[in-house]
Amino acid sequence: MVDYRLRYDALRDGNRVIVVHQAQFTTGVNVTAPTWVDDARRATAG
């Protein structure tokens, strides 16, 4: 598992804001592509 937390202070329209972004990723998970993926690949192939 991989996780991270990002926090920073910023100004928006003169107001101080605190931005926090967190994510967690699990490795070793197999996901089946949706049925439309092959059509999309063919439609955008150059």
N, C-alpha and C. Protein backbone atom coordinates (compact mmCIF):
# COMPACT_ATOMS: atom_id res chain seq x y z
N MET A 1 0.84 -1.17 0.00
CA MET A 1 0.00 0.00 0.00
C MET A 1 0.90 1.24 0.00
N VAL A 2 0.48 2.24 -0.75
CA VAL A 2 1.20 3.51 -0.81
C VAL A 2 0.23 4.61 -0.43
N ASP A 3 0.64 5.48 0.46
CA ASP A 3 -0.23 6.61 0.78
C ASP A 3 0.59 7.87 0.96
N TYR A 4 -0.07 8.99 0.77
CA TYR A 4 0.60 10.27 0.97
C TYR A 4 -0.39 11.32 1.43
N ARG A 5 0.14 12.38 2.00
CA ARG A 5 -0.66 13.52 2.46
C ARG A 5 0.10 14.77 2.07
N LEU A 6 -0.59 15.67 1.39
CA LEU A 6 0.00 16.92 0.95
C LEU A 6 -0.79 18.06 1.58
N ARG A 7 -0.10 19.01 2.19
CA ARG A 7 -0.77 20.14 2.81
C ARG A 7 0.01 21.40 2.47
N TYR A 8 -0.72 22.44 2.09
CA TYR A 8 -0.07 23.72 1.88
C TYR A 8 -1.04 24.85 2.16
N ASP A 9 -0.47 26.00 2.51
CA ASP A 9 -1.25 27.22 2.74
C ASP A 9 -1.19 28.06 1.48
N ALA A 10 -2.27 28.77 1.20
CA ALA A 10 -2.32 29.61 0.01
C ALA A 10 -3.23 30.81 0.27
N LEU A 11 -3.17 31.76 -0.63
CA LEU A 11 -4.08 32.90 -0.58
C LEU A 11 -5.04 32.82 -1.76
N ARG A 12 -6.32 33.00 -1.47
CA ARG A 12 -7.34 33.03 -2.53
C ARG A 12 -8.22 34.24 -2.28
N ASP A 13 -8.19 35.15 -3.23
CA ASP A 13 -8.95 36.40 -3.11
C ASP A 13 -8.62 37.11 -1.79
N GLY A 14 -7.36 37.05 -1.41
CA GLY A 14 -6.91 37.73 -0.20
C GLY A 14 -7.17 36.96 1.09
N ASN A 15 -7.77 35.81 1.01
CA ASN A 15 -8.07 35.00 2.19
C ASN A 15 -7.11 33.82 2.26
N ARG A 16 -6.66 33.53 3.47
CA ARG A 16 -5.77 32.39 3.67
C ARG A 16 -6.59 31.11 3.65
N VAL A 17 -6.14 30.15 2.86
CA VAL A 17 -6.79 28.84 2.81
C VAL A 17 -5.75 27.76 3.05
N ILE A 18 -6.18 26.67 3.61
CA ILE A 18 -5.32 25.51 3.82
C ILE A 18 -5.84 24.40 2.92
N VAL A 19 -4.97 23.87 2.09
CA VAL A 19 -5.35 22.83 1.15
C VAL A 19 -4.70 21.53 1.62
N VAL A 20 -5.51 20.49 1.74
CA VAL A 20 -5.02 19.18 2.15
C VAL A 20 -5.53 18.15 1.14
N HIS A 21 -4.61 17.36 0.62
CA HIS A 21 -4.97 16.28 -0.31
C HIS A 21 -4.35 15.00 0.21
N GLN A 22 -5.17 13.98 0.34
CA GLN A 22 -4.69 12.69 0.80
C GLN A 22 -5.09 11.63 -0.21
N ALA A 23 -4.24 10.64 -0.38
CA ALA A 23 -4.57 9.53 -1.27
C ALA A 23 -3.93 8.26 -0.74
N GLN A 24 -4.57 7.16 -1.05
CA GLN A 24 -4.05 5.85 -0.65
C GLN A 24 -4.25 4.90 -1.83
N PHE A 25 -3.21 4.21 -2.19
CA PHE A 25 -3.24 3.29 -3.32
C PHE A 25 -2.89 1.89 -2.84
N THR A 26 -3.64 0.94 -3.29
CA THR A 26 -3.38 -0.45 -2.96
C THR A 26 -2.76 -1.12 -4.18
N THR A 27 -1.65 -1.76 -3.99
CA THR A 27 -0.98 -2.44 -5.10
C THR A 27 -1.45 -3.89 -5.18
N GLY A 28 -1.27 -4.48 -6.35
CA GLY A 28 -1.61 -5.88 -6.52
C GLY A 28 -3.08 -6.13 -6.79
N VAL A 29 -3.82 -5.10 -7.19
CA VAL A 29 -5.24 -5.26 -7.47
C VAL A 29 -5.42 -5.35 -8.98
N ASN A 30 -6.12 -6.34 -9.46
CA ASN A 30 -6.39 -6.49 -10.89
C ASN A 30 -7.76 -5.89 -11.21
N VAL A 31 -7.80 -5.05 -12.22
CA VAL A 31 -9.04 -4.41 -12.63
C VAL A 31 -9.29 -4.74 -14.09
N THR A 32 -10.49 -5.13 -14.40
CA THR A 32 -10.87 -5.42 -15.78
C THR A 32 -11.30 -4.14 -16.47
N ALA A 33 -10.76 -3.89 -17.66
CA ALA A 33 -11.11 -2.69 -18.41
C ALA A 33 -12.58 -2.75 -18.83
N PRO A 34 -13.26 -1.59 -18.86
CA PRO A 34 -14.65 -1.56 -19.32
C PRO A 34 -14.73 -1.98 -20.80
N THR A 35 -15.89 -2.38 -21.23
CA THR A 35 -16.07 -2.90 -22.59
C THR A 35 -15.78 -1.87 -23.66
N TRP A 36 -15.91 -0.59 -23.37
CA TRP A 36 -15.72 0.45 -24.38
C TRP A 36 -14.26 0.79 -24.64
N VAL A 37 -13.33 0.27 -23.86
CA VAL A 37 -11.92 0.65 -23.99
C VAL A 37 -11.34 0.29 -25.36
N ASP A 38 -11.61 -0.92 -25.85
CA ASP A 38 -11.07 -1.31 -27.15
C ASP A 38 -11.59 -0.41 -28.27
N ASP A 39 -12.88 -0.08 -28.23
CA ASP A 39 -13.45 0.83 -29.24
C ASP A 39 -12.77 2.20 -29.17
N ALA A 40 -12.54 2.70 -27.97
CA ALA A 40 -11.90 4.01 -27.81
C ALA A 40 -10.47 4.00 -28.32
N ARG A 41 -9.74 2.92 -28.08
CA ARG A 41 -8.37 2.81 -28.56
C ARG A 41 -8.32 2.78 -30.09
N ARG A 42 -9.23 2.03 -30.70
CA ARG A 42 -9.29 1.97 -32.15
C ARG A 42 -9.67 3.33 -32.74
N ALA A 43 -10.59 4.02 -32.12
CA ALA A 43 -11.07 5.32 -32.64
C ALA A 43 -10.00 6.40 -32.54
N THR A 44 -9.07 6.27 -31.59
CA THR A 44 -8.06 7.32 -31.41
C THR A 44 -6.68 6.91 -31.90
N ALA A 45 -6.57 5.72 -32.46
CA ALA A 45 -5.26 5.26 -32.96
C ALA A 45 -4.86 6.09 -34.17
N GLY A 46 -3.60 6.47 -34.22
CA GLY A 46 -3.11 7.30 -35.32
C GLY A 46 -2.48 6.49 -36.33
